[in-house]
Protein backbone atom coordinates (compact mmCIF):
# COMPACT_ATOMS: atom_id res chain seq x y z
CA UNK A 1 0.00 0.02 0.07
CA UNK A 2 1.45 3.42 -1.04
CA UNK A 3 1.53 5.94 1.88
CA UNK A 4 -0.05 9.42 1.67
CA UNK A 5 3.40 10.99 1.31
CA UNK A 6 4.15 8.66 -1.71
CA UNK A 7 0.92 9.44 -3.41
CA UNK A 8 1.59 13.24 -3.20
CA UNK A 9 5.01 12.91 -4.44
CA UNK A 10 3.73 10.74 -7.36
CA UNK A 11 0.94 13.21 -8.05
CA UNK A 12 3.52 16.05 -8.06
CA UNK A 13 5.78 14.24 -10.57
CA UNK A 14 2.84 13.61 -12.88
CA UNK A 15 1.71 17.22 -12.59
CA UNK A 16 5.22 18.41 -13.50
CA UNK A 17 4.98 16.54 -16.84
CA UNK A 18 3.02 19.68 -17.96
CA UNK A 19 5.98 21.92 -17.17
CA UNK A 20 7.83 22.78 -20.29
CA UNK A 21 11.18 24.39 -20.83
CA UNK A 22 10.43 28.07 -21.99
CA UNK A 23 13.35 28.03 -24.26
CA UNK A 24 12.52 24.56 -25.63
CA UNK A 25 8.66 24.46 -25.54
CA UNK A 26 8.43 20.87 -26.81
CA UNK A 27 10.53 19.72 -24.04
CA UNK A 28 9.32 18.89 -20.43
CA UNK A 29 11.57 19.92 -17.61
CA UNK A 30 11.19 16.49 -16.17
CA UNK A 31 12.52 14.76 -19.39
CA UNK A 32 15.43 17.41 -19.46
CA UNK A 33 16.79 16.26 -16.28
CA UNK A 34 16.13 19.53 -14.42
CA UNK A 35 13.96 17.94 -11.59
CA UNK A 36 16.36 16.65 -8.98
CA UNK A 37 14.05 15.65 -6.21
CA UNK A 38 10.41 16.01 -4.96
CA UNK A 39 9.77 15.69 -1.20
CA UNK A 40 6.61 16.11 0.79
CA UNK A 41 7.99 17.86 3.77
CA UNK A 42 5.49 18.53 6.61
CA UNK A 43 2.69 18.91 4.08
CA UNK A 44 4.59 21.22 1.72
CA UNK A 45 5.73 19.76 -1.69
CA UNK A 46 9.30 20.75 -2.14
CA UNK A 47 10.72 20.42 -5.48
CA UNK A 48 14.64 20.79 -6.23
CA UNK A 49 15.45 22.01 -9.63
CA UNK A 50 18.90 21.97 -11.20
CA UNK A 51 19.25 24.84 -13.64
CA UNK A 52 20.92 23.88 -17.08
CA UNK A 53 23.52 26.56 -16.43
CA UNK A 54 24.42 29.30 -13.95
CA UNK A 55 22.36 32.31 -14.72
CA UNK A 56 19.88 30.80 -16.80
CA UNK A 57 17.23 33.45 -17.46
CA UNK A 58 14.38 30.83 -17.81
CA UNK A 59 14.77 29.38 -14.37
CA UNK A 60 12.52 31.94 -12.80
CA UNK A 61 9.74 31.10 -15.38
CA UNK A 62 10.24 27.46 -14.71
CA UNK A 63 10.05 27.96 -10.97
CA UNK A 64 6.88 29.88 -11.36
CA UNK A 65 5.56 27.12 -13.77
CA UNK A 66 6.36 24.46 -11.33
CA UNK A 67 4.40 26.19 -8.51
CA UNK A 68 1.44 26.83 -10.86
CA UNK A 69 1.29 23.26 -11.99
CA UNK A 70 1.38 21.79 -8.48
CA UNK A 71 -0.95 24.31 -7.19
CA UNK A 72 -3.51 23.73 -10.12
CA UNK A 73 -3.06 19.95 -9.13
CA UNK A 74 -4.22 20.66 -5.70
CA UNK A 75 -0.67 20.04 -4.11
CA UNK A 76 -0.11 23.49 -2.48
CA UNK A 77 1.87 24.69 -0.59
CA UNK A 78 4.83 24.28 -2.79
CA UNK A 79 8.37 25.39 -2.15
CA UNK A 80 10.84 25.36 -5.31
CA UNK A 81 14.66 25.02 -4.22
CA UNK A 82 17.14 25.93 -6.95
CA UNK A 83 20.13 23.51 -6.61
CA UNK A 84 23.02 25.61 -7.94
CA UNK A 85 25.26 23.42 -6.00
CA UNK A 86 24.63 20.38 -8.24
CA UNK A 87 25.83 20.23 -11.84
CA UNK A 88 23.43 19.53 -14.55
CA UNK A 89 24.61 17.56 -17.53
CA UNK A 90 23.12 16.96 -21.01
CA UNK A 91 23.48 13.28 -20.01
CA UNK A 92 20.50 13.89 -17.68
CA UNK A 93 18.23 14.36 -20.72
CA UNK A 94 16.20 11.24 -21.26
CA UNK A 95 15.60 9.55 -24.54
CA UNK A 96 12.14 11.21 -24.54
CA UNK A 97 13.73 14.53 -23.76
CA UNK A 98 16.07 14.16 -26.77
CA UNK A 99 13.15 13.48 -28.93
CA UNK A 100 11.45 16.61 -27.53
CA UNK A 101 14.59 18.75 -28.21
CA UNK A 102 14.59 17.49 -31.82
CA UNK A 103 10.86 18.10 -32.20
CA UNK A 104 11.84 21.79 -31.40
CA UNK A 105 14.26 21.81 -34.37
CA UNK A 106 17.46 21.48 -32.27
CA UNK A 107 19.99 18.67 -32.87
CA UNK A 108 19.94 16.87 -29.61
CA UNK A 109 23.20 16.90 -27.56
CA UNK A 110 25.66 14.03 -28.26
CA UNK A 111 27.11 12.17 -25.38
CA UNK A 112 30.72 13.37 -24.56
CA UNK A 113 32.30 16.05 -26.75
CA UNK A 114 30.68 18.05 -29.49
CA UNK A 115 31.87 16.21 -32.76
CA UNK A 116 30.20 17.77 -35.89
CA UNK A 117 31.38 14.96 -38.10
CA UNK A 118 29.08 12.78 -36.10
CA UNK A 119 25.97 14.90 -36.53
CA UNK A 120 23.21 13.94 -39.04
CA UNK A 121 21.50 16.76 -40.58
CA UNK A 122 17.75 16.60 -39.42
CA UNK A 123 16.65 17.73 -42.90
CA UNK A 124 18.65 15.47 -45.32
CA UNK A 125 20.10 12.93 -42.88
CA UNK A 126 23.64 13.52 -44.17
CA UNK A 127 26.76 13.82 -42.12
CA UNK A 128 28.31 16.71 -43.79
CA UNK A 129 28.05 19.27 -41.15
CA UNK A 130 30.42 22.04 -40.44
CA UNK A 131 30.54 24.04 -37.07
CA UNK A 132 29.84 27.70 -37.89
CA UNK A 133 30.12 29.03 -34.38
CA UNK A 134 30.65 27.34 -30.86
CA UNK A 135 28.22 30.05 -29.69
CA UNK A 136 24.49 30.04 -30.47
CA UNK A 137 21.47 31.95 -29.01
CA UNK A 138 22.08 30.60 -25.59
CA UNK A 139 25.22 29.40 -23.94
CA UNK A 140 24.30 25.74 -24.27
CA UNK A 141 23.86 26.14 -28.07
CA UNK A 142 26.08 26.21 -31.03
CA UNK A 143 25.56 26.99 -34.70
CA UNK A 144 26.40 24.75 -37.70
CA UNK A 145 25.53 24.21 -41.32
CA UNK A 146 24.92 21.20 -43.41
CA UNK A 147 27.23 21.21 -46.49
CA UNK A 148 24.80 18.84 -48.37
CA UNK A 149 21.57 20.75 -48.23
CA UNK A 150 22.85 23.97 -46.89
CA UNK A 151 20.44 23.83 -43.78
CA UNK A 152 21.65 26.12 -40.95
CA UNK A 153 21.44 23.99 -37.76
CA UNK A 154 21.25 24.87 -34.19
CA UNK A 155 23.13 22.37 -31.94
CA UNK A 156 22.43 21.66 -28.17
CA UNK A 157 26.02 21.36 -26.93
CA UNK A 158 26.96 18.54 -24.62
CA UNK A 159 27.54 19.71 -21.14
CA UNK A 160 29.71 17.71 -18.72
CA UNK A 161 28.47 14.63 -16.98
CA UNK A 162 27.83 15.02 -13.19
CA UNK A 163 30.28 13.26 -11.04
């Protein structure tokens, strides 16, 4: 038999599936690996979030969306804790999250280091990609171009594995 605490934590996890990354609106923050922990602490749901990078401008929106989703699910009060002391990694993105990133038009991050010669163009599927800039619209993205079809590509850069 599941305890009341367990049911509330499970209900919170389900409710958080509706919270999308504001910068990648096809990707759920749960699948992006940003939810570190969910606790029911003295009747308050505590959600620990790991930002994808220090100073991420979307983190305030994500925290507000987490509060709104849990409040809307009848799980208030809610406290969001930002865990800047824990490193986030692109290895934390689930396979579902990688598909969600691709649905947004971003090339999902590779495991390990960025190797453009191993990237397939999402338009023509060819591996003739050239890195144009290591810096994209956000610190976690890079810009490339497919030499086969000419399509500009925005890549999600791999960010180190935790521990």
